[in-house]
Amino acid sequence: MPNTARWAATLTLTATAVCGPLAGAAHAAPEPAPSTLYAPSALVLTVGRGESAITAAPDRAVTLTCAPAASGTHPDAARACAELRASGGDFDTLAGRGEGMCTREYRPVVVTVDGVWQGRRVSYERTFANECVKNSSQGRAVFAF
């Protein structure tokens, strides 16, 4: 194929690729403006018996997605997301000091959180003395699953 024919074919294909979509757009209704942009927030939370995530096998695991809307397998995703937003994603603040009316029994429970919170990678682990102490934490919705 001569060079002139190649250039003509290349120019035709390029024009079709660039201008083709524009031809149909003249008659189409304008697309709505994109909604507010958000940073992704998707987490996997686990709870297991043991002193650390390495030695404890997870008993339960849930997913929690907070943007664009609260969803996932977490039993109270909306409230958990609201608590996370209020704490600025600080899991230590949510876990609190576990000041509740609990026995002094030592049956450690470890909670882990892995994923992305507002576009930032997070990995969190917290060991509570027992299930009662975990459940008495301030972030009840986040860690209640």
C-alpha atoms as a PDB file:
ATOM      1  CA  MET A   1       0.000   0.000   0.000  1.00  0.00           C
ATOM      2  CA  PRO A   2       1.494   3.367  -0.981  1.00  0.00           C
ATOM      3  CA  ASN A   3       2.284   5.907   1.758  1.00  0.00           C
ATOM      4  CA  THR A   4      -0.492   8.243   0.589  1.00  0.00           C
ATOM      5  CA  ALA A   5      -3.084   5.491   0.947  1.00  0.00           C
ATOM      6  CA  ARG A   6      -1.784   4.601   4.449  1.00  0.00           C
ATOM      7  CA  TRP A   7      -1.980   8.233   5.573  1.00  0.00           C
ATOM      8  CA  ALA A   8      -5.478   8.540   4.165  1.00  0.00           C
ATOM      9  CA  ALA A   9      -6.596   5.355   5.936  1.00  0.00           C
ATOM     10  CA  THR A  10      -4.982   6.463   9.219  1.00  0.00           C
ATOM     11  CA  LEU A  11      -6.570   9.914   8.976  1.00  0.00           C
ATOM     12  CA  THR A  12      -9.986   8.419   8.212  1.00  0.00           C
ATOM     13  CA  LEU A  13      -9.807   5.973  11.135  1.00  0.00           C
ATOM     14  CA  THR A  14      -8.610   8.694  13.512  1.00  0.00           C
ATOM     15  CA  ALA A  15     -11.363  11.090  12.432  1.00  0.00           C
ATOM     16  CA  THR A  16     -13.965   8.351  12.823  1.00  0.00           C
ATOM     17  CA  ALA A  17     -12.693   7.436  16.279  1.00  0.00           C
ATOM     18  CA  VAL A  18     -12.560  11.054  17.487  1.00  0.00           C
ATOM     19  CA  CYS A  19     -15.590  12.541  15.751  1.00  0.00           C
ATOM     20  CA  GLY A  20     -17.843   9.481  15.630  1.00  0.00           C
ATOM     21  CA  PRO A  21     -19.023   9.743  19.236  1.00  0.00           C
ATOM     22  CA  LEU A  22     -19.575  13.481  18.813  1.00  0.00           C
ATOM     23  CA  ALA A  23     -22.010  12.994  15.946  1.00  0.00           C
ATOM     24  CA  GLY A  24     -24.578  11.192  18.104  1.00  0.00           C
ATOM     25  CA  ALA A  25     -24.077  13.545  21.037  1.00  0.00           C
ATOM     26  CA  ALA A  26     -25.600  16.501  19.187  1.00  0.00           C
ATOM     27  CA  HIS A  27     -29.063  14.932  19.404  1.00  0.00           C
ATOM     28  CA  ALA A  28     -28.734  13.309  22.829  1.00  0.00           C
ATOM     29  CA  ALA A  29     -29.942  14.944  26.028  1.00  0.00           C
ATOM     30  CA  PRO A  30     -27.148  16.412  28.123  1.00  0.00           C
ATOM     31  CA  GLU A  31     -25.866  14.149  30.865  1.00  0.00           C
ATOM     32  CA  PRO A  32     -26.522  15.268  34.435  1.00  0.00           C
ATOM     33  CA  ALA A  33     -23.626  16.833  36.269  1.00  0.00           C
ATOM     34  CA  PRO A  34     -21.585  14.284  38.212  1.00  0.00           C
ATOM     35  CA  SER A  35     -22.565  13.965  41.851  1.00  0.00           C
ATOM     36  CA  THR A  36     -20.242  15.043  44.581  1.00  0.00           C
ATOM     37  CA  LEU A  37     -16.975  13.194  44.463  1.00  0.00           C
ATOM     38  CA  TYR A  38     -16.101  11.089  47.464  1.00  0.00           C
ATOM     39  CA  ALA A  39     -13.109   9.161  48.685  1.00  0.00           C
ATOM     40  CA  PRO A  40     -13.739   5.421  48.949  1.00  0.00           C
ATOM     41  CA  SER A  41     -14.470   3.968  52.372  1.00  0.00           C
ATOM     42  CA  ALA A  42     -14.711   0.183  52.423  1.00  0.00           C
ATOM     43  CA  LEU A  43     -13.658  -1.936  55.396  1.00  0.00           C
ATOM     44  CA  VAL A  44     -13.531  -5.553  56.505  1.00  0.00           C
ATOM     45  CA  LEU A  45     -13.994  -6.005  60.257  1.00  0.00           C
ATOM     46  CA  THR A  46     -13.272  -9.285  62.065  1.00  0.00           C
ATOM     47  CA  VAL A  47     -13.555 -10.492  65.639  1.00  0.00           C
ATOM     48  CA  GLY A  48     -11.925 -13.608  67.083  1.00  0.00           C
ATOM     49  CA  ARG A  49     -10.893 -15.204  70.354  1.00  0.00           C
ATOM     50  CA  GLY A  50      -7.234 -14.750  71.236  1.00  0.00           C
ATOM     51  CA  GLU A  51      -4.631 -12.190  72.142  1.00  0.00           C
ATOM     52  CA  SER A  52      -3.654 -11.143  68.624  1.00  0.00           C
ATOM     53  CA  ALA A  53      -4.896 -11.436  65.072  1.00  0.00           C
ATOM     54  CA  ILE A  54      -1.998 -13.759  64.280  1.00  0.00           C
ATOM     55  CA  THR A  55      -2.988 -16.348  66.895  1.00  0.00           C
ATOM     56  CA  ALA A  56      -6.787 -15.911  66.778  1.00  0.00           C
ATOM     57  CA  ALA A  57      -8.981 -17.426  64.114  1.00  0.00           C
ATOM     58  CA  PRO A  58     -11.786 -15.025  63.174  1.00  0.00           C
ATOM     59  CA  ASP A  59     -15.189 -15.971  64.622  1.00  0.00           C
ATOM     60  CA  ARG A  60     -17.080 -13.405  62.571  1.00  0.00           C
ATOM     61  CA  ALA A  61     -16.335 -11.014  59.743  1.00  0.00           C
ATOM     62  CA  VAL A  62     -18.405  -8.227  58.188  1.00  0.00           C
ATOM     63  CA  THR A  63     -17.973  -5.668  55.447  1.00  0.00           C
ATOM     64  CA  LEU A  64     -18.723  -1.984  55.877  1.00  0.00           C
ATOM     65  CA  THR A  65     -18.897   0.523  53.036  1.00  0.00           C
ATOM     66  CA  CYS A  66     -19.548   4.144  53.996  1.00  0.00           C
ATOM     67  CA  ALA A  67     -19.289   6.018  50.701  1.00  0.00           C
ATOM     68  CA  PRO A  68     -21.307   6.865  48.718  1.00  0.00           C
ATOM     69  CA  ALA A  69     -23.864   5.304  51.088  1.00  0.00           C
ATOM     70  CA  ALA A  70     -23.729   3.054  54.131  1.00  0.00           C
ATOM     71  CA  SER A  71     -23.909  -0.608  53.112  1.00  0.00           C
ATOM     72  CA  GLY A  72     -22.291  -3.980  53.579  1.00  0.00           C
ATOM     73  CA  THR A  73     -22.940  -7.000  55.762  1.00  0.00           C
ATOM     74  CA  HIS A  74     -22.512  -5.030  59.000  1.00  0.00           C
ATOM     75  CA  PRO A  75     -25.777  -5.305  61.004  1.00  0.00           C
ATOM     76  CA  ASP A  76     -26.016  -1.519  61.586  1.00  0.00           C
ATOM     77  CA  ALA A  77     -24.009  -0.024  58.727  1.00  0.00           C
ATOM     78  CA  ALA A  78     -25.617   3.439  58.857  1.00  0.00           C
ATOM     79  CA  ARG A  79     -24.890   3.964  62.554  1.00  0.00           C
ATOM     80  CA  ALA A  80     -21.387   2.477  62.273  1.00  0.00           C
ATOM     81  CA  CYS A  81     -20.555   4.847  59.402  1.00  0.00           C
ATOM     82  CA  ALA A  82     -21.943   7.813  61.361  1.00  0.00           C
ATOM     83  CA  GLU A  83     -19.737   6.907  64.347  1.00  0.00           C
ATOM     84  CA  LEU A  84     -16.685   6.553  62.103  1.00  0.00           C
ATOM     85  CA  ARG A  85     -17.328   9.938  60.474  1.00  0.00           C
ATOM     86  CA  ALA A  86     -17.793  11.584  63.886  1.00  0.00           C
ATOM     87  CA  SER A  87     -14.474  10.138  65.115  1.00  0.00           C
ATOM     88  CA  GLY A  88     -12.640  11.073  61.926  1.00  0.00           C
ATOM     89  CA  GLY A  89     -11.913   7.387  61.328  1.00  0.00           C
ATOM     90  CA  ASP A  90     -10.013   7.042  64.630  1.00  0.00           C
ATOM     91  CA  PHE A  91     -10.681   3.473  65.778  1.00  0.00           C
ATOM     92  CA  ASP A  92      -8.882   3.975  69.099  1.00  0.00           C
ATOM     93  CA  THR A  93     -11.354   6.712  69.990  1.00  0.00           C
ATOM     94  CA  LEU A  94     -14.244   4.423  69.081  1.00  0.00           C
ATOM     95  CA  ALA A  95     -12.878   1.512  71.098  1.00  0.00           C
ATOM     96  CA  GLY A  96     -12.553   3.740  74.161  1.00  0.00           C
ATOM     97  CA  ARG A  97     -11.350   2.257  77.399  1.00  0.00           C
ATOM     98  CA  GLY A  98     -14.123  -0.312  77.760  1.00  0.00           C
ATOM     99  CA  GLU A  99     -15.486   1.155  80.973  1.00  0.00           C
ATOM    100  CA  GLY A 100     -18.549  -0.922  81.588  1.00  0.00           C
ATOM    101  CA  MET A 101     -19.899  -3.232  84.252  1.00  0.00           C
ATOM    102  CA  CYS A 102     -17.989  -6.344  83.204  1.00  0.00           C
ATOM    103  CA  THR A 103     -16.392  -9.227  85.047  1.00  0.00           C
ATOM    104  CA  ARG A 104     -12.640  -9.317  85.374  1.00  0.00           C
ATOM    105  CA  GLU A 105     -12.581 -12.597  83.472  1.00  0.00           C
ATOM    106  CA  TYR A 106      -9.737 -12.787  80.945  1.00  0.00           C
ATOM    107  CA  ARG A 107     -10.952 -14.339  77.701  1.00  0.00           C
ATOM    108  CA  PRO A 108      -9.301 -12.071  75.129  1.00  0.00           C
ATOM    109  CA  VAL A 109     -11.185 -10.961  72.053  1.00  0.00           C
ATOM    110  CA  VAL A 110      -9.343  -9.342  69.155  1.00  0.00           C
ATOM    111  CA  VAL A 111     -10.951  -6.995  66.627  1.00  0.00           C
ATOM    112  CA  THR A 112      -9.314  -6.142  63.309  1.00  0.00           C
ATOM    113  CA  VAL A 113     -10.187  -3.569  60.680  1.00  0.00           C
ATOM    114  CA  ASP A 114      -8.585  -3.584  57.233  1.00  0.00           C
ATOM    115  CA  GLY A 115      -9.446  -1.591  54.156  1.00  0.00           C
ATOM    116  CA  VAL A 116      -9.737   2.015  53.034  1.00  0.00           C
ATOM    117  CA  TRP A 117     -11.212   4.898  55.021  1.00  0.00           C
ATOM    118  CA  GLN A 118     -11.799   8.103  53.029  1.00  0.00           C
ATOM    119  CA  GLY A 119      -9.177   7.094  50.480  1.00  0.00           C
ATOM    120  CA  ARG A 120      -6.531   6.239  53.088  1.00  0.00           C
ATOM    121  CA  ARG A 121      -5.375   2.651  53.727  1.00  0.00           C
ATOM    122  CA  VAL A 122      -6.110   1.514  57.287  1.00  0.00           C
ATOM    123  CA  SER A 123      -5.133  -1.530  59.303  1.00  0.00           C
ATOM    124  CA  TYR A 124      -6.216  -1.670  62.948  1.00  0.00           C
ATOM    125  CA  GLU A 125      -6.064  -4.319  65.664  1.00  0.00           C
ATOM    126  CA  ARG A 126      -7.346  -4.087  69.227  1.00  0.00           C
ATOM    127  CA  THR A 127      -7.488  -6.760  71.934  1.00  0.00           C
ATOM    128  CA  PHE A 128     -10.170  -6.523  74.617  1.00  0.00           C
ATOM    129  CA  ALA A 129     -10.051  -8.477  77.893  1.00  0.00           C
ATOM    130  CA  ASN A 130     -13.367 -10.202  77.082  1.00  0.00           C
ATOM    131  CA  GLU A 131     -16.501  -9.887  74.948  1.00  0.00           C
ATOM    132  CA  CYS A 132     -18.270  -7.723  77.559  1.00  0.00           C
ATOM    133  CA  VAL A 133     -15.453  -5.157  77.526  1.00  0.00           C
ATOM    134  CA  LYS A 134     -15.562  -5.085  73.706  1.00  0.00           C
ATOM    135  CA  ASN A 135     -19.303  -4.519  73.728  1.00  0.00           C
ATOM    136  CA  SER A 136     -19.083  -1.752  76.345  1.00  0.00           C
ATOM    137  CA  SER A 137     -16.785   0.323  74.154  1.00  0.00           C
ATOM    138  CA  GLN A 138     -17.946   3.735  72.926  1.00  0.00           C
ATOM    139  CA  GLY A 139     -18.033   2.637  69.289  1.00  0.00           C
ATOM    140  CA  ARG A 140     -20.791   0.159  69.954  1.00  0.00           C
ATOM    141  CA  ALA A 141     -22.172   0.145  66.441  1.00  0.00           C
ATOM    142  CA  VAL A 142     -18.782  -0.224  64.751  1.00  0.00           C
ATOM    143  CA  PHE A 143     -17.637  -3.184  66.834  1.00  0.00           C
ATOM    144  CA  ALA A 144     -21.094  -4.735  67.435  1.00  0.00           C
ATOM    145  CA  PHE A 145     -21.362  -7.555  64.930  1.00  0.00           C
END
